[in-house]
Amino acid sequence: MNDFDLLNNISLGQYRPGDSLLHKLHPALKISALVLLMVLVLISPLLPHLPLMFLLITLMVRLSGQSLFKLLKGTGPVLPFLLIIALIQMFLIPREYSTPSLLELGPFGVHREDLIFTAKLFGRFFTLFLLFTLFTTVTTISEISHGAEILFRPIGRKRALSHDLSLVITITFRFIPILAMEAEHITKAQASRGGSFGTWKTGLIKKIRLYIPLLVPLFIAALERAETLVEAMEARCYEPGQERSRLTEYAWNGRDSWSLAVLLILFLLFTGSRFILSIGGNYV
């Protein structure tokens, strides 16, 4: 991946307009589906649930009219760190093993439990990343704010509190492409001063050493952006805790009801089968 194309290669947080079924769903239903599917991914055993969850989300990607490869290409920068975490968990974290080691590497041994844990780690990461990316691809920032406000409304003591909570979530998603753009600007500035960014011969360890010093200017740029956002909100007389109206209201229709019913049935099927497998002990 080109070091100078961070914004174009990050699919998470990038909304892509479309006319698919997922684009037309109610924002509150999209957020609820995200939470329920995320819970299913986290509690799913390696076999057979996790591959089925990945296949289900892949079918949802096809329904949205998006490309699976384009959605997953943003995992490239994270894979080296994920591999390091997997190696640490395999060789440095003690566990209780019920089987002999499959491979001996000096003082370290690779057991069946280590391989299962690594497979779960990578499987859940790719499934969760694809799920979050698909959600941000078919949901605009305003829809996220509207849906979060509806879901938070029963929690807050008044409607204005739910609006403030939804605003926090909206700003969080909005800052994902902003951070990518700032990182791209910083790498270009460092390369113009003789840095090794953008070269294919840079090794993995050297790349990590190059990116670590970028964290300080990246966070400083993010804080400056946040300060600019606060000043813009104050200039528009924004006051927290005040109830506000919306230009666009999203109505619940029959399509949303059918989609919610299918989602609940899938959730009950997966959790019920997970409970049955846990009783019999036939899961990994």
Foldseek 3Di string as FASTA:
>chain_A
DAQLCLLQQALFLDADDDDFLLLQAQLLLLVVLLVLLLVLLVLFFLPPRLVVSLVVLVVVCVRRVHDPCSLQSNCVVVVVVLVVVLVCCQFPPDDDDPDDFPDDDDVGGGHPVSVRVSSSSVSSVSSNSSSSSVSSHSADLVSQLVSQLVVCCVVDPHSLVSNVVSVVVSVVSVCPSVLSVQSSVVLVVVVVVPDPHRDPPQDPVNVVVVCVVVVVVSVVVVVVVVVVVVVVCVVVVDDRPDDDDDPDDRDHDPSNVVVVVVSVVVSCVSVVVSVVCVVVVPGD
